[in-house]
Amino acid sequence: MIKIGEGFCGSGPNAAHINLFIGPKSGPMGGAVVTAASSPGPGHIPFQTVLKPNLPVKPTTLFIAKAVLTTPHHENMSWGPAQAGVAHGMTKALLDRVLPPEAEEHWIAVAAVWVNPLADDADQVYQNNCDAIYLAAQRALTTGWPSRAELAAALGSISNPFYTPKN
C-alpha cells in the first residue's frame, strides 16, 4: 500500500515543501520509482538520496525536484543542502521509528521537493528540508490524517505562500 505525506517548513525563499510517497518495493512504489528514475525531463533529474557519497539513505529515497532547475545556483541548492536535508530527515524518521522496521530494507520512497530558485541560505534550506521530510513521513504513517474536521476547518482559511484568497 502506498502511503502519502506532505510537509511544509520554513518561510520565504528558503522554505521547503515536500510531497512524500512511500511503500513496499514489491507494490506499485517499486515500479513508480524505476519509471521516475528512468524518465528524467528537462530540469528534473531524479536521483537517489545519499547521506554522503557511497552511503545511500534507507529506505531508498528518490529525490525529484518540483521546480525546473535553471541556474547553477538553483541546482547547487537542490542537489546540496536540500538533498542533504532530505537524507537527514528520512534517516532520522527511520532511526526514530517513525517508519516501521520493514521500511529499512523493503520499502522505497519518492520525495518530490520544492526548492525556490531564489533560495539564498544553504543552512536554512538544509534544515527546512530535514524538518519537512520528517513531518511528511510522520503524516504518511498517521492513519486518518488529515481528519475531516481539519479539512472542514481549513475551508475557512485556505492559503499558501503564494496566494491567500480575499474572503
N, C-alpha and C. Protein backbone atom coordinates (compact mmCIF):
# COMPACT_ATOMS: atom_id res chain seq x y z
N MET A 1 0.84 -1.17 0.00
CA MET A 1 0.00 0.00 0.00
C MET A 1 0.89 1.25 0.00
N ILE A 2 0.57 2.20 -0.85
CA ILE A 2 1.30 3.46 -0.91
C ILE A 2 0.79 4.37 0.19
N LYS A 3 1.72 5.00 0.88
CA LYS A 3 1.38 5.98 1.90
C LYS A 3 1.88 7.33 1.40
N ILE A 4 1.10 8.37 1.69
CA ILE A 4 1.41 9.69 1.16
C ILE A 4 1.44 10.70 2.30
N GLY A 5 2.48 11.52 2.33
CA GLY A 5 2.59 12.57 3.34
C GLY A 5 3.04 13.87 2.71
N GLU A 6 2.84 14.95 3.43
CA GLU A 6 3.20 16.27 2.95
C GLU A 6 3.79 17.05 4.10
N GLY A 7 4.81 17.85 3.82
CA GLY A 7 5.39 18.69 4.84
C GLY A 7 5.86 20.01 4.26
N PHE A 8 5.54 21.09 4.95
CA PHE A 8 5.99 22.43 4.56
C PHE A 8 6.63 23.05 5.79
N CYS A 9 7.87 23.47 5.66
CA CYS A 9 8.59 24.08 6.79
C CYS A 9 9.38 25.29 6.33
N GLY A 10 9.46 26.28 7.19
CA GLY A 10 10.22 27.47 6.90
C GLY A 10 9.36 28.55 6.26
N SER A 11 10.04 29.61 5.84
CA SER A 11 9.32 30.71 5.20
C SER A 11 10.25 31.39 4.19
N GLY A 12 9.64 32.20 3.37
CA GLY A 12 10.42 32.94 2.38
C GLY A 12 11.07 32.02 1.36
N PRO A 13 12.12 32.48 0.72
CA PRO A 13 12.72 31.71 -0.37
C PRO A 13 13.44 30.44 0.09
N ASN A 14 13.67 30.29 1.40
CA ASN A 14 14.37 29.10 1.90
C ASN A 14 13.43 28.04 2.45
N ALA A 15 12.13 28.26 2.31
CA ALA A 15 11.14 27.28 2.77
C ALA A 15 11.27 25.99 1.98
N ALA A 16 10.76 24.92 2.57
CA ALA A 16 10.78 23.61 1.92
C ALA A 16 9.36 23.07 1.85
N HIS A 17 9.02 22.49 0.72
CA HIS A 17 7.73 21.80 0.57
C HIS A 17 8.00 20.45 -0.05
N ILE A 18 7.58 19.40 0.64
CA ILE A 18 7.84 18.03 0.19
C ILE A 18 6.54 17.25 0.12
N ASN A 19 6.37 16.53 -0.97
CA ASN A 19 5.33 15.51 -1.10
C ASN A 19 6.06 14.18 -1.07
N LEU A 20 5.67 13.31 -0.14
CA LEU A 20 6.34 12.03 0.05
C LEU A 20 5.40 10.89 -0.31
N PHE A 21 5.89 9.98 -1.13
CA PHE A 21 5.17 8.76 -1.50
C PHE A 21 6.06 7.61 -1.05
N ILE A 22 5.53 6.72 -0.22
CA ILE A 22 6.36 5.67 0.37
C ILE A 22 5.56 4.39 0.53
N GLY A 23 6.22 3.27 0.33
CA GLY A 23 5.56 1.99 0.49
C GLY A 23 6.47 0.84 0.09
N PRO A 24 5.94 -0.39 0.16
CA PRO A 24 6.74 -1.57 -0.15
C PRO A 24 7.28 -1.57 -1.59
N LYS A 25 8.54 -2.01 -1.72
CA LYS A 25 9.16 -2.13 -3.05
C LYS A 25 8.38 -3.09 -3.93
N SER A 26 7.78 -4.10 -3.32
CA SER A 26 7.09 -5.13 -4.08
C SER A 26 5.74 -4.67 -4.62
N GLY A 27 5.27 -3.51 -4.22
CA GLY A 27 4.00 -2.98 -4.70
C GLY A 27 4.20 -1.96 -5.79
N PRO A 28 3.21 -1.11 -5.98
CA PRO A 28 3.29 -0.11 -7.05
C PRO A 28 4.44 0.89 -6.88
N MET A 29 4.93 1.07 -5.67
CA MET A 29 6.03 2.02 -5.45
C MET A 29 7.30 1.59 -6.18
N GLY A 30 7.58 0.29 -6.23
CA GLY A 30 8.77 -0.19 -6.92
C GLY A 30 8.78 0.22 -8.38
N GLY A 31 7.67 -0.04 -9.06
CA GLY A 31 7.55 0.34 -10.47
C GLY A 31 7.58 1.84 -10.67
N ALA A 32 6.95 2.57 -9.75
CA ALA A 32 6.91 4.04 -9.87
C ALA A 32 8.32 4.63 -9.76
N VAL A 33 9.12 4.11 -8.85
CA VAL A 33 10.47 4.63 -8.67
C VAL A 33 11.34 4.33 -9.88
N VAL A 34 11.25 3.12 -10.39
CA VAL A 34 12.04 2.76 -11.57
C VAL A 34 11.63 3.62 -12.76
N THR A 35 10.33 3.81 -12.94
CA THR A 35 9.84 4.64 -14.04
C THR A 35 10.33 6.08 -13.89
N ALA A 36 10.20 6.64 -12.69
CA ALA A 36 10.63 8.02 -12.46
C ALA A 36 12.13 8.18 -12.67
N ALA A 37 12.91 7.23 -12.15
CA ALA A 37 14.37 7.34 -12.26
C ALA A 37 14.84 7.20 -13.70
N SER A 38 14.09 6.47 -14.51
CA SER A 38 14.50 6.25 -15.89
C SER A 38 13.82 7.20 -16.87
N SER A 39 13.11 8.19 -16.36
CA SER A 39 12.38 9.13 -17.22
C SER A 39 12.66 10.58 -16.84
N PRO A 40 13.92 11.00 -16.80
CA PRO A 40 14.19 12.39 -16.44
C PRO A 40 13.64 13.33 -17.51
N GLY A 41 13.27 14.51 -17.09
CA GLY A 41 12.83 15.54 -18.02
C GLY A 41 13.74 16.74 -17.91
N PRO A 42 13.65 17.66 -18.86
CA PRO A 42 14.50 18.85 -18.80
C PRO A 42 14.32 19.57 -17.46
N GLY A 43 15.41 19.74 -16.73
CA GLY A 43 15.37 20.42 -15.44
C GLY A 43 14.91 19.57 -14.28
N HIS A 44 14.51 18.33 -14.53
CA HIS A 44 14.03 17.42 -13.48
C HIS A 44 14.81 16.11 -13.59
N ILE A 45 15.83 15.98 -12.77
CA ILE A 45 16.68 14.79 -12.82
C ILE A 45 16.50 14.02 -11.52
N PRO A 46 15.70 12.94 -11.53
CA PRO A 46 15.54 12.14 -10.31
C PRO A 46 16.86 11.46 -9.95
N PHE A 47 17.18 11.45 -8.65
CA PHE A 47 18.40 10.79 -8.22
C PHE A 47 18.21 10.21 -6.82
N GLN A 48 19.02 9.22 -6.49
CA GLN A 48 18.96 8.56 -5.20
C GLN A 48 19.54 9.47 -4.12
N THR A 49 18.82 9.61 -3.03
CA THR A 49 19.25 10.43 -1.92
C THR A 49 20.33 9.71 -1.12
N VAL A 50 21.40 10.44 -0.78
CA VAL A 50 22.51 9.83 -0.04
C VAL A 50 22.87 10.70 1.16
N LEU A 51 23.36 10.04 2.21
CA LEU A 51 23.89 10.78 3.37
C LEU A 51 25.23 11.40 3.03
N LYS A 52 26.00 10.70 2.23
CA LYS A 52 27.25 11.18 1.67
C LYS A 52 27.59 10.22 0.53
N PRO A 53 28.53 10.56 -0.34
CA PRO A 53 28.84 9.66 -1.44
C PRO A 53 29.11 8.24 -0.94
N ASN A 54 28.50 7.29 -1.60
CA ASN A 54 28.63 5.86 -1.30
C ASN A 54 27.88 5.41 -0.05
N LEU A 55 26.96 6.24 0.47
CA LEU A 55 26.15 5.85 1.62
C LEU A 55 24.70 6.30 1.40
N PRO A 56 23.90 5.46 0.70
CA PRO A 56 22.52 5.84 0.40
C PRO A 56 21.63 5.79 1.63
N VAL A 57 20.56 6.52 1.55
CA VAL A 57 19.54 6.57 2.59
C VAL A 57 18.74 5.27 2.58
N LYS A 58 18.27 4.86 3.74
CA LYS A 58 17.30 3.77 3.85
C LYS A 58 16.06 4.33 4.52
N PRO A 59 14.88 4.02 4.01
CA PRO A 59 14.65 3.29 2.78
C PRO A 59 15.15 4.08 1.57
N THR A 60 15.46 3.35 0.51
CA THR A 60 15.89 4.01 -0.72
C THR A 60 14.91 5.12 -1.05
N THR A 61 15.44 6.33 -1.25
CA THR A 61 14.59 7.50 -1.47
C THR A 61 15.04 8.22 -2.74
N LEU A 62 14.11 8.36 -3.66
CA LEU A 62 14.37 9.07 -4.91
C LEU A 62 13.99 10.54 -4.71
N PHE A 63 14.92 11.44 -4.99
CA PHE A 63 14.71 12.89 -4.89
C PHE A 63 14.31 13.39 -6.27
N ILE A 64 13.18 14.08 -6.34
CA ILE A 64 12.74 14.68 -7.60
C ILE A 64 12.45 16.15 -7.35
N ALA A 65 13.12 17.02 -8.08
CA ALA A 65 12.90 18.46 -7.95
C ALA A 65 11.55 18.82 -8.56
N LYS A 66 10.74 19.59 -7.80
CA LYS A 66 9.45 20.04 -8.33
C LYS A 66 9.60 21.30 -9.16
N ALA A 67 10.67 22.04 -8.96
CA ALA A 67 10.93 23.24 -9.75
C ALA A 67 11.99 22.92 -10.80
N VAL A 68 11.80 23.42 -12.00
CA VAL A 68 12.81 23.22 -13.05
C VAL A 68 14.10 23.90 -12.61
N LEU A 69 15.18 23.13 -12.64
CA LEU A 69 16.49 23.66 -12.24
C LEU A 69 17.10 24.38 -13.44
N THR A 70 17.21 25.71 -13.33
CA THR A 70 17.62 26.50 -14.49
C THR A 70 18.95 27.21 -14.34
N THR A 71 19.43 27.38 -13.11
CA THR A 71 20.71 28.08 -12.90
C THR A 71 21.64 27.19 -12.07
N PRO A 72 22.93 27.40 -12.18
CA PRO A 72 23.86 26.63 -11.33
C PRO A 72 23.57 26.82 -9.84
N HIS A 73 23.20 28.03 -9.43
CA HIS A 73 22.88 28.28 -8.02
C HIS A 73 21.69 27.42 -7.57
N HIS A 74 20.64 27.40 -8.36
CA HIS A 74 19.44 26.61 -8.02
C HIS A 74 19.77 25.11 -8.01
N GLU A 75 20.56 24.67 -8.97
CA GLU A 75 20.99 23.26 -8.99
C GLU A 75 21.76 22.93 -7.72
N ASN A 76 22.71 23.80 -7.33
CA ASN A 76 23.51 23.54 -6.14
C ASN A 76 22.66 23.53 -4.87
N MET A 77 21.69 24.44 -4.76
CA MET A 77 20.82 24.47 -3.58
C MET A 77 19.95 23.21 -3.52
N SER A 78 19.56 22.69 -4.67
CA SER A 78 18.73 21.48 -4.71
C SER A 78 19.56 20.24 -4.43
N TRP A 79 20.65 20.07 -5.14
CA TRP A 79 21.48 18.87 -5.02
C TRP A 79 22.32 18.88 -3.75
N GLY A 80 22.57 20.05 -3.20
CA GLY A 80 23.39 20.16 -1.99
C GLY A 80 22.54 20.15 -0.73
N PRO A 81 22.21 21.34 -0.20
CA PRO A 81 21.53 21.38 1.10
C PRO A 81 20.14 20.76 1.11
N ALA A 82 19.37 20.90 0.04
CA ALA A 82 18.03 20.28 0.04
C ALA A 82 18.14 18.76 0.07
N GLN A 83 18.99 18.21 -0.78
CA GLN A 83 19.18 16.76 -0.81
C GLN A 83 19.73 16.26 0.51
N ALA A 84 20.70 16.97 1.08
CA ALA A 84 21.26 16.56 2.37
C ALA A 84 20.21 16.62 3.47
N GLY A 85 19.37 17.63 3.44
CA GLY A 85 18.29 17.73 4.43
C GLY A 85 17.30 16.59 4.31
N VAL A 86 16.94 16.23 3.07
CA VAL A 86 16.04 15.09 2.86
C VAL A 86 16.70 13.81 3.37
N ALA A 87 17.99 13.65 3.09
CA ALA A 87 18.72 12.46 3.56
C ALA A 87 18.69 12.39 5.09
N HIS A 88 18.98 13.50 5.74
CA HIS A 88 19.00 13.54 7.20
C HIS A 88 17.61 13.24 7.77
N GLY A 89 16.59 13.94 7.28
CA GLY A 89 15.24 13.78 7.81
C GLY A 89 14.68 12.38 7.59
N MET A 90 14.95 11.79 6.43
CA MET A 90 14.44 10.44 6.17
C MET A 90 15.16 9.43 7.05
N THR A 91 16.46 9.58 7.20
CA THR A 91 17.22 8.68 8.07
C THR A 91 16.77 8.82 9.52
N LYS A 92 16.55 10.04 9.96
CA LYS A 92 16.07 10.28 11.32
C LYS A 92 14.70 9.63 11.52
N ALA A 93 13.81 9.74 10.52
CA ALA A 93 12.49 9.11 10.63
C ALA A 93 12.62 7.59 10.77
N LEU A 94 13.57 6.99 10.08
CA LEU A 94 13.80 5.55 10.21
C LEU A 94 14.35 5.22 11.60
N LEU A 95 15.39 5.93 12.02
CA LEU A 95 16.03 5.64 13.31
C LEU A 95 15.14 5.96 14.50
N ASP A 96 14.25 6.98 14.36
CA ASP A 96 13.31 7.33 15.43
C ASP A 96 12.08 6.43 15.44
N ARG A 97 12.01 5.50 14.52
CA ARG A 97 10.89 4.55 14.39
C ARG A 97 9.58 5.21 13.98
N VAL A 98 9.69 6.39 13.32
CA VAL A 98 8.51 6.95 12.66
C VAL A 98 8.08 5.98 11.57
N LEU A 99 9.07 5.43 10.87
CA LEU A 99 8.84 4.40 9.85
C LEU A 99 8.96 3.04 10.51
N PRO A 100 8.18 2.06 10.06
CA PRO A 100 8.26 0.73 10.65
C PRO A 100 9.56 0.03 10.28
N PRO A 101 9.98 -0.99 11.05
CA PRO A 101 11.24 -1.67 10.79
C PRO A 101 11.36 -2.21 9.35
N GLU A 102 10.28 -2.69 8.77
CA GLU A 102 10.34 -3.24 7.42
C GLU A 102 10.66 -2.18 6.36
N ALA A 103 10.48 -0.91 6.71
CA ALA A 103 10.79 0.16 5.75
C ALA A 103 12.27 0.19 5.40
N GLU A 104 13.11 -0.19 6.33
CA GLU A 104 14.56 -0.11 6.12
C GLU A 104 15.01 -0.87 4.88
N GLU A 105 14.55 -2.08 4.70
CA GLU A 105 15.00 -2.91 3.58
C GLU A 105 13.94 -3.16 2.51
N HIS A 106 12.67 -3.02 2.88
CA HIS A 106 11.61 -3.48 1.97
C HIS A 106 10.71 -2.38 1.43
N TRP A 107 10.97 -1.14 1.81
CA TRP A 107 10.18 -0.02 1.29
C TRP A 107 11.05 0.84 0.40
N ILE A 108 10.37 1.69 -0.35
CA ILE A 108 11.03 2.63 -1.25
C ILE A 108 10.23 3.92 -1.23
N ALA A 109 10.87 5.05 -1.46
CA ALA A 109 10.18 6.33 -1.35
C ALA A 109 10.53 7.25 -2.51
N VAL A 110 9.59 8.15 -2.80
CA VAL A 110 9.81 9.24 -3.73
C VAL A 110 9.53 10.53 -2.97
N ALA A 111 10.50 11.43 -2.95
CA ALA A 111 10.34 12.74 -2.34
C ALA A 111 10.31 13.78 -3.45
N ALA A 112 9.16 14.39 -3.66
CA ALA A 112 9.03 15.49 -4.61
C ALA A 112 9.32 16.76 -3.80
N VAL A 113 10.40 17.46 -4.16
CA VAL A 113 10.97 18.51 -3.31
C VAL A 113 10.95 19.86 -4.02
N TRP A 114 10.37 20.86 -3.35
CA TRP A 114 10.38 22.22 -3.87
C TRP A 114 11.55 22.97 -3.27
N VAL A 115 12.39 23.51 -4.11
CA VAL A 115 13.44 24.45 -3.71
C VAL A 115 13.22 25.70 -4.56
N ASN A 116 13.01 26.80 -3.91
CA ASN A 116 12.77 28.06 -4.59
C ASN A 116 14.04 28.49 -5.33
N PRO A 117 13.92 28.88 -6.60
CA PRO A 117 15.09 29.37 -7.33
C PRO A 117 15.77 30.56 -6.65
N LEU A 118 15.06 31.27 -5.77
CA LEU A 118 15.61 32.43 -5.07
C LEU A 118 16.21 32.07 -3.71
N ALA A 119 16.25 30.78 -3.36
CA ALA A 119 16.82 30.37 -2.08
C ALA A 119 18.22 30.96 -1.93
N ASP A 120 18.51 31.47 -0.71
CA ASP A 120 19.78 32.16 -0.52
C ASP A 120 20.53 31.79 0.76
N ASP A 121 19.98 30.84 1.52
CA ASP A 121 20.64 30.44 2.76
C ASP A 121 20.70 28.91 2.81
N ALA A 122 21.86 28.36 2.48
CA ALA A 122 22.01 26.90 2.40
C ALA A 122 21.66 26.20 3.71
N ASP A 123 22.03 26.79 4.84
CA ASP A 123 21.74 26.16 6.12
C ASP A 123 20.23 26.11 6.40
N GLN A 124 19.51 27.16 6.03
CA GLN A 124 18.05 27.15 6.20
C GLN A 124 17.41 26.15 5.24
N VAL A 125 17.88 26.09 4.01
CA VAL A 125 17.34 25.12 3.04
C VAL A 125 17.55 23.71 3.58
N TYR A 126 18.74 23.44 4.10
CA TYR A 126 19.03 22.12 4.68
C TYR A 126 18.07 21.80 5.82
N GLN A 127 17.98 22.70 6.81
CA GLN A 127 17.15 22.42 7.99
C GLN A 127 15.68 22.31 7.63
N ASN A 128 15.19 23.19 6.75
CA ASN A 128 13.78 23.15 6.37
C ASN A 128 13.43 21.86 5.63
N ASN A 129 14.34 21.37 4.79
CA ASN A 129 14.07 20.11 4.09
C ASN A 129 14.16 18.92 5.03
N CYS A 130 15.07 18.98 5.98
CA CYS A 130 15.16 17.94 7.00
C CYS A 130 13.84 17.86 7.78
N ASP A 131 13.35 19.00 8.24
CA ASP A 131 12.11 19.05 9.00
C ASP A 131 10.89 18.67 8.15
N ALA A 132 10.86 19.12 6.90
CA ALA A 132 9.70 18.86 6.04
C ALA A 132 9.58 17.37 5.70
N ILE A 133 10.68 16.68 5.40
CA ILE A 133 10.58 15.25 5.06
C ILE A 133 10.21 14.44 6.30
N TYR A 134 10.73 14.83 7.46
CA TYR A 134 10.39 14.14 8.71
C TYR A 134 8.89 14.29 8.97
N LEU A 135 8.38 15.51 8.84
CA LEU A 135 6.96 15.77 9.03
C LEU A 135 6.12 15.00 8.01
N ALA A 136 6.57 14.98 6.76
CA ALA A 136 5.85 14.23 5.71
C ALA A 136 5.82 12.75 6.04
N ALA A 137 6.92 12.19 6.56
CA ALA A 137 6.95 10.77 6.94
C ALA A 137 5.98 10.51 8.09
N GLN A 138 5.97 11.39 9.08
CA GLN A 138 5.02 11.23 10.19
C GLN A 138 3.59 11.22 9.68
N ARG A 139 3.28 12.15 8.80
CA ARG A 139 1.92 12.26 8.29
C ARG A 139 1.56 11.08 7.40
N ALA A 140 2.52 10.59 6.62
CA ALA A 140 2.24 9.44 5.76
C ALA A 140 1.87 8.21 6.58
N LEU A 141 2.42 8.10 7.77
CA LEU A 141 2.18 6.93 8.62
C LEU A 141 1.07 7.17 9.64
N THR A 142 0.41 8.31 9.58
CA THR A 142 -0.69 8.61 10.50
C THR A 142 -2.01 8.33 9.81
N THR A 143 -2.67 7.28 10.24
CA THR A 143 -3.98 6.93 9.67
C THR A 143 -4.98 8.04 9.95
N GLY A 144 -5.70 8.42 8.93
CA GLY A 144 -6.75 9.42 9.09
C GLY A 144 -6.28 10.85 9.06
N TRP A 145 -5.01 11.09 8.70
CA TRP A 145 -4.54 12.47 8.60
C TRP A 145 -4.69 12.97 7.18
N PRO A 146 -5.16 14.13 6.95
CA PRO A 146 -5.84 14.99 7.91
C PRO A 146 -7.25 14.50 8.18
N SER A 147 -7.80 14.87 9.31
CA SER A 147 -9.15 14.44 9.67
C SER A 147 -10.18 15.26 8.89
N ARG A 148 -11.38 14.76 8.85
CA ARG A 148 -12.46 15.50 8.19
C ARG A 148 -12.68 16.85 8.89
N ALA A 149 -12.53 16.87 10.21
CA ALA A 149 -12.70 18.12 10.96
C ALA A 149 -11.62 19.13 10.55
N GLU A 150 -10.36 18.67 10.39
CA GLU A 150 -9.29 19.56 9.96
C GLU A 150 -9.56 20.09 8.56
N LEU A 151 -10.05 19.23 7.68
CA LEU A 151 -10.38 19.66 6.32
C LEU A 151 -11.49 20.71 6.33
N ALA A 152 -12.54 20.45 7.10
CA ALA A 152 -13.66 21.39 7.18
C ALA A 152 -13.20 22.73 7.74
N ALA A 153 -12.39 22.72 8.78
CA ALA A 153 -11.91 23.96 9.38
C ALA A 153 -11.03 24.75 8.40
N ALA A 154 -10.26 24.04 7.60
CA ALA A 154 -9.34 24.71 6.67
C ALA A 154 -10.07 25.42 5.54
N LEU A 155 -11.28 25.01 5.24
CA LEU A 155 -12.02 25.67 4.16
C LEU A 155 -12.20 27.16 4.42
N GLY A 156 -12.24 27.55 5.67
CA GLY A 156 -12.41 28.96 6.01
C GLY A 156 -11.13 29.77 6.00
N SER A 157 -10.00 29.12 5.81
CA SER A 157 -8.74 29.84 5.85
C SER A 157 -7.72 29.29 4.85
N ILE A 158 -8.18 28.97 3.65
CA ILE A 158 -7.29 28.44 2.63
C ILE A 158 -6.22 29.46 2.30
N SER A 159 -4.97 29.00 2.23
CA SER A 159 -3.87 29.88 1.83
C SER A 159 -2.64 29.03 1.54
N ASN A 160 -1.68 29.65 0.88
CA ASN A 160 -0.36 29.06 0.70
C ASN A 160 0.61 30.23 0.56
N PRO A 161 1.91 29.97 0.52
CA PRO A 161 2.85 31.09 0.47
C PRO A 161 2.72 32.00 -0.75
N PHE A 162 1.99 31.56 -1.76
CA PHE A 162 1.89 32.33 -2.99
C PHE A 162 0.52 32.96 -3.21
N TYR A 163 -0.46 32.59 -2.36
CA TYR A 163 -1.81 33.11 -2.57
C TYR A 163 -2.67 32.92 -1.34
N THR A 164 -3.41 33.96 -0.98
CA THR A 164 -4.44 33.88 0.06
C THR A 164 -5.67 34.55 -0.51
N PRO A 165 -6.78 33.80 -0.63
CA PRO A 165 -8.00 34.40 -1.20
C PRO A 165 -8.55 35.50 -0.31
N LYS A 166 -9.17 36.47 -0.94
CA LYS A 166 -9.87 37.53 -0.20
C LYS A 166 -11.23 36.99 0.18
N ASN A 167 -11.50 36.94 1.46
CA ASN A 167 -12.81 36.40 1.93
C ASN A 167 -13.74 37.51 2.28
